Amino acid sequence: MTNNAALEFLGATREQVIGHTDHDLFPVMQAEYFWQQDDAVMKLRASAPKIIADASGQKCGPKTAPSYDS
């Protein structure tokens, strides 16, 4: 599952993302971090901030991510 904001962030098309896991789309360490954070969120039922780099290499996170709300 994906949305336009995620596609823009990844610099990918929907076809390049659908059917792939984090491990297909990101370096191993980054994909593992995502899975660990997702597991923690599911166990705690709380959100966890993610600071990652977008397709251009710019760091992006909760306070730096662009808002796509209209």
PDB file of N, CA and C in Angstrom:
ATOM      1  N   MET A   1       0.849  -1.159   0.000  1.00  0.00           N
ATOM      2  CA  MET A   1       0.000   0.000   0.000  1.00  0.00           C
ATOM      3  C   MET A   1       0.904   1.233   0.000  1.00  0.00           C
ATOM      4  N   THR A   2       0.512   2.248  -0.753  1.00  0.00           N
ATOM      5  CA  THR A   2       1.301   3.479  -0.805  1.00  0.00           C
ATOM      6  C   THR A   2       0.390   4.648  -1.135  1.00  0.00           C
ATOM      7  N   ASN A   3       0.934   5.837  -1.019  1.00  0.00           N
ATOM      8  CA  ASN A   3       0.190   7.039  -1.390  1.00  0.00           C
ATOM      9  C   ASN A   3       1.130   7.960  -2.164  1.00  0.00           C
ATOM     10  N   ASN A   4       0.570   9.046  -2.701  1.00  0.00           N
ATOM     11  CA  ASN A   4       1.364   9.953  -3.532  1.00  0.00           C
ATOM     12  C   ASN A   4       2.517  10.589  -2.767  1.00  0.00           C
ATOM     13  N   ALA A   5       2.308  10.910  -1.500  1.00  0.00           N
ATOM     14  CA  ALA A   5       3.382  11.508  -0.700  1.00  0.00           C
ATOM     15  C   ALA A   5       4.545  10.522  -0.546  1.00  0.00           C
ATOM     16  N   ALA A   6       4.223   9.249  -0.320  1.00  0.00           N
ATOM     17  CA  ALA A   6       5.276   8.235  -0.185  1.00  0.00           C
ATOM     18  C   ALA A   6       6.011   8.053  -1.507  1.00  0.00           C
ATOM     19  N   LEU A   7       5.277   8.060  -2.614  1.00  0.00           N
ATOM     20  CA  LEU A   7       5.911   7.912  -3.927  1.00  0.00           C
ATOM     21  C   LEU A   7       6.844   9.074  -4.213  1.00  0.00           C
ATOM     22  N   GLU A   8       6.414  10.289  -3.890  1.00  0.00           N
ATOM     23  CA  GLU A   8       7.266  11.470  -4.094  1.00  0.00           C
ATOM     24  C   GLU A   8       8.508  11.378  -3.214  1.00  0.00           C
ATOM     25  N   PHE A   9       8.317  10.970  -1.967  1.00  0.00           N
ATOM     26  CA  PHE A   9       9.429  10.828  -1.030  1.00  0.00           C
ATOM     27  C   PHE A   9      10.459   9.829  -1.564  1.00  0.00           C
ATOM     28  N   LEU A  10       9.974   8.702  -2.090  1.00  0.00           N
ATOM     29  CA  LEU A  10      10.856   7.657  -2.586  1.00  0.00           C
ATOM     30  C   LEU A  10      11.442   7.978  -3.952  1.00  0.00           C
ATOM     31  N   GLY A  11      10.810   8.912  -4.666  1.00  0.00           N
ATOM     32  CA  GLY A  11      11.249   9.189  -6.025  1.00  0.00           C
ATOM     33  C   GLY A  11      10.962   8.002  -6.931  1.00  0.00           C
ATOM     34  N   ALA A  12       9.802   7.369  -6.708  1.00  0.00           N
ATOM     35  CA  ALA A  12       9.449   6.150  -7.446  1.00  0.00           C
ATOM     36  C   ALA A  12       8.025   6.243  -7.977  1.00  0.00           C
ATOM     37  N   THR A  13       7.721   5.383  -8.901  1.00  0.00           N
ATOM     38  CA  THR A  13       6.355   5.277  -9.412  1.00  0.00           C
ATOM     39  C   THR A  13       5.599   4.237  -8.600  1.00  0.00           C
ATOM     40  N   ARG A  14       4.291   4.269  -8.711  1.00  0.00           N
ATOM     41  CA  ARG A  14       3.453   3.295  -8.018  1.00  0.00           C
ATOM     42  C   ARG A  14       3.842   1.868  -8.429  1.00  0.00           C
ATOM     43  N   GLU A  15       4.108   1.685  -9.706  1.00  0.00           N
ATOM     44  CA  GLU A  15       4.475   0.360 -10.211  1.00  0.00           C
ATOM     45  C   GLU A  15       5.792  -0.142  -9.611  1.00  0.00           C
ATOM     46  N   GLN A  16       6.698   0.772  -9.300  1.00  0.00           N
ATOM     47  CA  GLN A  16       7.990   0.390  -8.720  1.00  0.00           C
ATOM     48  C   GLN A  16       7.873   0.021  -7.245  1.00  0.00           C
ATOM     49  N   VAL A  17       6.783   0.422  -6.592  1.00  0.00           N
ATOM     50  CA  VAL A  17       6.637   0.230  -5.153  1.00  0.00           C
ATOM     51  C   VAL A  17       5.666  -0.898  -4.808  1.00  0.00           C
ATOM     52  N   ILE A  18       4.544  -0.952  -5.502  1.00  0.00           N
ATOM     53  CA  ILE A  18       3.519  -1.948  -5.183  1.00  0.00           C
ATOM     54  C   ILE A  18       4.103  -3.360  -5.275  1.00  0.00           C
ATOM     55  N   GLY A  19       3.838  -4.157  -4.255  1.00  0.00           N
ATOM     56  CA  GLY A  19       4.310  -5.537  -4.232  1.00  0.00           C
ATOM     57  C   GLY A  19       5.702  -5.715  -3.660  1.00  0.00           C
ATOM     58  N   HIS A  20       6.302  -4.614  -3.173  1.00  0.00           N
ATOM     59  CA  HIS A  20       7.657  -4.687  -2.616  1.00  0.00           C
ATOM     60  C   HIS A  20       7.639  -4.364  -1.122  1.00  0.00           C
ATOM     61  N   THR A  21       8.606  -4.895  -0.409  1.00  0.00           N
ATOM     62  CA  THR A  21       8.733  -4.640   1.024  1.00  0.00           C
ATOM     63  C   THR A  21       9.784  -3.551   1.256  1.00  0.00           C
ATOM     64  N   ASP A  22       9.898  -3.127   2.511  1.00  0.00           N
ATOM     65  CA  ASP A  22      10.954  -2.173   2.874  1.00  0.00           C
ATOM     66  C   ASP A  22      12.319  -2.700   2.443  1.00  0.00           C
ATOM     67  N   HIS A  23      12.513  -4.009   2.578  1.00  0.00           N
ATOM     68  CA  HIS A  23      13.801  -4.614   2.228  1.00  0.00           C
ATOM     69  C   HIS A  23      14.086  -4.544   0.729  1.00  0.00           C
ATOM     70  N   ASP A  24      13.059  -4.447  -0.074  1.00  0.00           N
ATOM     71  CA  ASP A  24      13.239  -4.289  -1.518  1.00  0.00           C
ATOM     72  C   ASP A  24      13.577  -2.846  -1.888  1.00  0.00           C
ATOM     73  N   LEU A  25      13.114  -1.903  -1.081  1.00  0.00           N
ATOM     74  CA  LEU A  25      13.187  -0.488  -1.434  1.00  0.00           C
ATOM     75  C   LEU A  25      14.278   0.301  -0.720  1.00  0.00           C
ATOM     76  N   PHE A  26      14.789  -0.211   0.394  1.00  0.00           N
ATOM     77  CA  PHE A  26      15.749   0.527   1.215  1.00  0.00           C
ATOM     78  C   PHE A  26      16.969  -0.339   1.523  1.00  0.00           C
ATOM     79  N   PRO A  27      18.083   0.298   1.901  1.00  0.00           N
ATOM     80  CA  PRO A  27      19.251  -0.464   2.364  1.00  0.00           C
ATOM     81  C   PRO A  27      18.857  -1.322   3.579  1.00  0.00           C
ATOM     82  N   VAL A  28      19.564  -2.418   3.779  1.00  0.00           N
ATOM     83  CA  VAL A  28      19.217  -3.394   4.821  1.00  0.00           C
ATOM     84  C   VAL A  28      19.051  -2.748   6.190  1.00  0.00           C
ATOM     85  N   MET A  29      20.001  -1.940   6.612  1.00  0.00           N
ATOM     86  CA  MET A  29      19.933  -1.347   7.954  1.00  0.00           C
ATOM     87  C   MET A  29      18.711  -0.446   8.102  1.00  0.00           C
ATOM     88  N   GLN A  30      18.383   0.313   7.072  1.00  0.00           N
ATOM     89  CA  GLN A  30      17.228   1.204   7.130  1.00  0.00           C
ATOM     90  C   GLN A  30      15.933   0.386   7.156  1.00  0.00           C
ATOM     91  N   ALA A  31      15.858  -0.652   6.334  1.00  0.00           N
ATOM     92  CA  ALA A  31      14.667  -1.506   6.316  1.00  0.00           C
ATOM     93  C   ALA A  31      14.479  -2.190   7.669  1.00  0.00           C
ATOM     94  N   GLU A  32      15.553  -2.675   8.266  1.00  0.00           N
ATOM     95  CA  GLU A  32      15.469  -3.316   9.584  1.00  0.00           C
ATOM     96  C   GLU A  32      14.977  -2.329  10.636  1.00  0.00           C
ATOM     97  N   TYR A  33      15.482  -1.094  10.572  1.00  0.00           N
ATOM     98  CA  TYR A  33      15.040  -0.057  11.512  1.00  0.00           C
ATOM     99  C   TYR A  33      13.534   0.165  11.368  1.00  0.00           C
ATOM    100  N   PHE A  34      13.043   0.266  10.131  1.00  0.00           N
ATOM    101  CA  PHE A  34      11.612   0.456   9.905  1.00  0.00           C
ATOM    102  C   PHE A  34      10.813  -0.690  10.514  1.00  0.00           C
ATOM    103  N   TRP A  35      11.266  -1.927  10.287  1.00  0.00           N
ATOM    104  CA  TRP A  35      10.553  -3.081  10.825  1.00  0.00           C
ATOM    105  C   TRP A  35      10.564  -3.073  12.348  1.00  0.00           C
ATOM    106  N   GLN A  36      11.686  -2.714  12.953  1.00  0.00           N
ATOM    107  CA  GLN A  36      11.766  -2.657  14.418  1.00  0.00           C
ATOM    108  C   GLN A  36      10.809  -1.599  14.961  1.00  0.00           C
ATOM    109  N   GLN A  37      10.782  -0.440  14.323  1.00  0.00           N
ATOM    110  CA  GLN A  37       9.888   0.630  14.755  1.00  0.00           C
ATOM    111  C   GLN A  37       8.427   0.231  14.576  1.00  0.00           C
ATOM    112  N   ASP A  38       8.115  -0.400  13.458  1.00  0.00           N
ATOM    113  CA  ASP A  38       6.745  -0.849  13.226  1.00  0.00           C
ATOM    114  C   ASP A  38       6.321  -1.871  14.272  1.00  0.00           C
ATOM    115  N   ASP A  39       7.216  -2.804  14.610  1.00  0.00           N
ATOM    116  CA  ASP A  39       6.914  -3.785  15.651  1.00  0.00           C
ATOM    117  C   ASP A  39       6.665  -3.109  16.986  1.00  0.00           C
ATOM    118  N   ALA A  40       7.486  -2.138  17.328  1.00  0.00           N
ATOM    119  CA  ALA A  40       7.326  -1.415  18.596  1.00  0.00           C
ATOM    120  C   ALA A  40       5.989  -0.672  18.626  1.00  0.00           C
ATOM    121  N   VAL A  41       5.636  -0.056  17.521  1.00  0.00           N
ATOM    122  CA  VAL A  41       4.369   0.675  17.441  1.00  0.00           C
ATOM    123  C   VAL A  41       3.198  -0.291  17.637  1.00  0.00           C
ATOM    124  N   MET A  42       3.280  -1.444  16.981  1.00  0.00           N
ATOM    125  CA  MET A  42       2.194  -2.418  17.102  1.00  0.00           C
ATOM    126  C   MET A  42       2.076  -2.937  18.540  1.00  0.00           C
ATOM    127  N   LYS A  43       3.187  -3.125  19.219  1.00  0.00           N
ATOM    128  CA  LYS A  43       3.164  -3.626  20.593  1.00  0.00           C
ATOM    129  C   LYS A  43       2.645  -2.566  21.562  1.00  0.00           C
ATOM    130  N   LEU A  44       3.048  -1.324  21.349  1.00  0.00           N
ATOM    131  CA  LEU A  44       2.672  -0.238  22.262  1.00  0.00           C
ATOM    132  C   LEU A  44       1.401   0.481  21.840  1.00  0.00           C
ATOM    133  N   ARG A  45       1.002   0.254  20.589  1.00  0.00           N
ATOM    134  CA  ARG A  45      -0.130   0.970  20.008  1.00  0.00           C
ATOM    135  C   ARG A  45       0.079   2.480  20.091  1.00  0.00           C
ATOM    136  N   ALA A  46       1.314   2.884  19.826  1.00  0.00           N
ATOM    137  CA  ALA A  46       1.690   4.294  19.831  1.00  0.00           C
ATOM    138  C   ALA A  46       2.527   4.562  18.595  1.00  0.00           C
ATOM    139  N   SER A  47       2.685   5.833  18.264  1.00  0.00           N
ATOM    140  CA  SER A  47       3.489   6.151  17.087  1.00  0.00           C
ATOM    141  C   SER A  47       4.940   6.389  17.492  1.00  0.00           C
ATOM    142  N   ALA A  48       5.825   6.153  16.540  1.00  0.00           N
ATOM    143  CA  ALA A  48       7.255   6.369  16.745  1.00  0.00           C
ATOM    144  C   ALA A  48       7.761   7.246  15.612  1.00  0.00           C
ATOM    145  N   PRO A  49       8.456   8.336  15.932  1.00  0.00           N
ATOM    146  CA  PRO A  49       8.962   9.202  14.863  1.00  0.00           C
ATOM    147  C   PRO A  49      10.050   8.510  14.061  1.00  0.00           C
ATOM    148  N   LYS A  50      10.077   8.785  12.766  1.00  0.00           N
ATOM    149  CA  LYS A  50      11.095   8.222  11.883  1.00  0.00           C
ATOM    150  C   LYS A  50      11.848   9.361  11.213  1.00  0.00           C
ATOM    151  N   ILE A  51      13.137   9.365  11.363  1.00  0.00           N
ATOM    152  CA  ILE A  51      13.994  10.314  10.665  1.00  0.00           C
ATOM    153  C   ILE A  51      14.729   9.508   9.606  1.00  0.00           C
ATOM    154  N   ILE A  52      14.451   9.807   8.358  1.00  0.00           N
ATOM    155  CA  ILE A  52      15.071   9.085   7.255  1.00  0.00           C
ATOM    156  C   ILE A  52      15.456  10.077   6.170  1.00  0.00           C
ATOM    157  N   ALA A  53      16.136   9.601   5.172  1.00  0.00           N
ATOM    158  CA  ALA A  53      16.524  10.445   4.047  1.00  0.00           C
ATOM    159  C   ALA A  53      15.598  10.168   2.870  1.00  0.00           C
ATOM    160  N   ASP A  54      15.161  11.246   2.187  1.00  0.00           N
ATOM    161  CA  ASP A  54      14.292  11.065   1.029  1.00  0.00           C
ATOM    162  C   ASP A  54      15.118  10.695  -0.199  1.00  0.00           C
ATOM    163  N   ALA A  55      14.476  10.639  -1.369  1.00  0.00           N
ATOM    164  CA  ALA A  55      15.140  10.195  -2.590  1.00  0.00           C
ATOM    165  C   ALA A  55      16.344  11.058  -2.952  1.00  0.00           C
ATOM    166  N   SER A  56      16.329  12.340  -2.525  1.00  0.00           N
ATOM    167  CA  SER A  56      17.443  13.237  -2.837  1.00  0.00           C
ATOM    168  C   SER A  56      18.532  13.199  -1.771  1.00  0.00           C
ATOM    169  N   GLY A  57      18.308  12.435  -0.680  1.00  0.00           N
ATOM    170  CA  GLY A  57      19.283  12.346   0.389  1.00  0.00           C
ATOM    171  C   GLY A  57      19.045  13.317   1.528  1.00  0.00           C
ATOM    172  N   GLN A  58      18.016  14.156   1.416  1.00  0.00           N
ATOM    173  CA  GLN A  58      17.703  15.129   2.464  1.00  0.00           C
ATOM    174  C   GLN A  58      17.021  14.417   3.629  1.00  0.00           C
ATOM    175  N   LYS A  59      17.481  14.728   4.858  1.00  0.00           N
ATOM    176  CA  LYS A  59      16.882  14.119   6.047  1.00  0.00           C
ATOM    177  C   LYS A  59      15.440  14.605   6.172  1.00  0.00           C
ATOM    178  N   CYS A  60      14.589  13.687   6.558  1.00  0.00           N
ATOM    179  CA  CYS A  60      13.170  13.988   6.653  1.00  0.00           C
ATOM    180  C   CYS A  60      12.606  13.279   7.870  1.00  0.00           C
ATOM    181  N   GLY A  61      11.761  13.932   8.603  1.00  0.00           N
ATOM    182  CA  GLY A  61      11.150  13.333   9.774  1.00  0.00           C
ATOM    183  C   GLY A  61       9.896  14.083  10.152  1.00  0.00           C
ATOM    184  N   PRO A  62       9.367  13.817  11.337  1.00  0.00           N
ATOM    185  CA  PRO A  62       8.104  14.426  11.738  1.00  0.00           C
ATOM    186  C   PRO A  62       8.088  15.947  11.671  1.00  0.00           C
ATOM    187  N   LYS A  63       9.190  16.594  12.024  1.00  0.00           N
ATOM    188  CA  LYS A  63       9.199  18.060  12.017  1.00  0.00           C
ATOM    189  C   LYS A  63       9.692  18.643  10.703  1.00  0.00           C
ATOM    190  N   THR A  64      10.288  17.811   9.847  1.00  0.00           N
ATOM    191  CA  THR A  64      10.841  18.337   8.592  1.00  0.00           C
ATOM    192  C   THR A  64      10.084  17.849   7.370  1.00  0.00           C
ATOM    193  N   ALA A  65       9.193  16.874   7.564  1.00  0.00           N
ATOM    194  CA  ALA A  65       8.453  16.328   6.427  1.00  0.00           C
ATOM    195  C   ALA A  65       7.442  17.340   5.909  1.00  0.00           C
ATOM    196  N   PRO A  66       7.300  17.463   4.605  1.00  0.00           N
ATOM    197  CA  PRO A  66       6.300  18.372   4.072  1.00  0.00           C
ATOM    198  C   PRO A  66       4.908  17.878   4.410  1.00  0.00           C
ATOM    199  N   SER A  67       3.984  18.799   4.593  1.00  0.00           N
ATOM    200  CA  SER A  67       2.599  18.440   4.871  1.00  0.00           C
ATOM    201  C   SER A  67       1.840  18.345   3.566  1.00  0.00           C
ATOM    202  N   TYR A  68       1.079  17.303   3.409  1.00  0.00           N
ATOM    203  CA  TYR A  68       0.300  17.121   2.189  1.00  0.00           C
ATOM    204  C   TYR A  68      -1.184  17.323   2.446  1.00  0.00           C
ATOM    205  N   ASP A  69      -1.523  17.848   3.614  1.00  0.00           N
ATOM    206  CA  ASP A  69      -2.923  18.133   3.910  1.00  0.00           C
ATOM    207  C   ASP A  69      -3.339  19.402   3.169  1.00  0.00           C
ATOM    208  N   SER A  70      -4.564  19.392   2.680  1.00  0.00           N
ATOM    209  CA  SER A  70      -5.034  20.601   1.981  1.00  0.00           C
ATOM    210  C   SER A  70      -6.128  21.281   2.737  1.00  0.00           C
TER     211      SER A  70
END
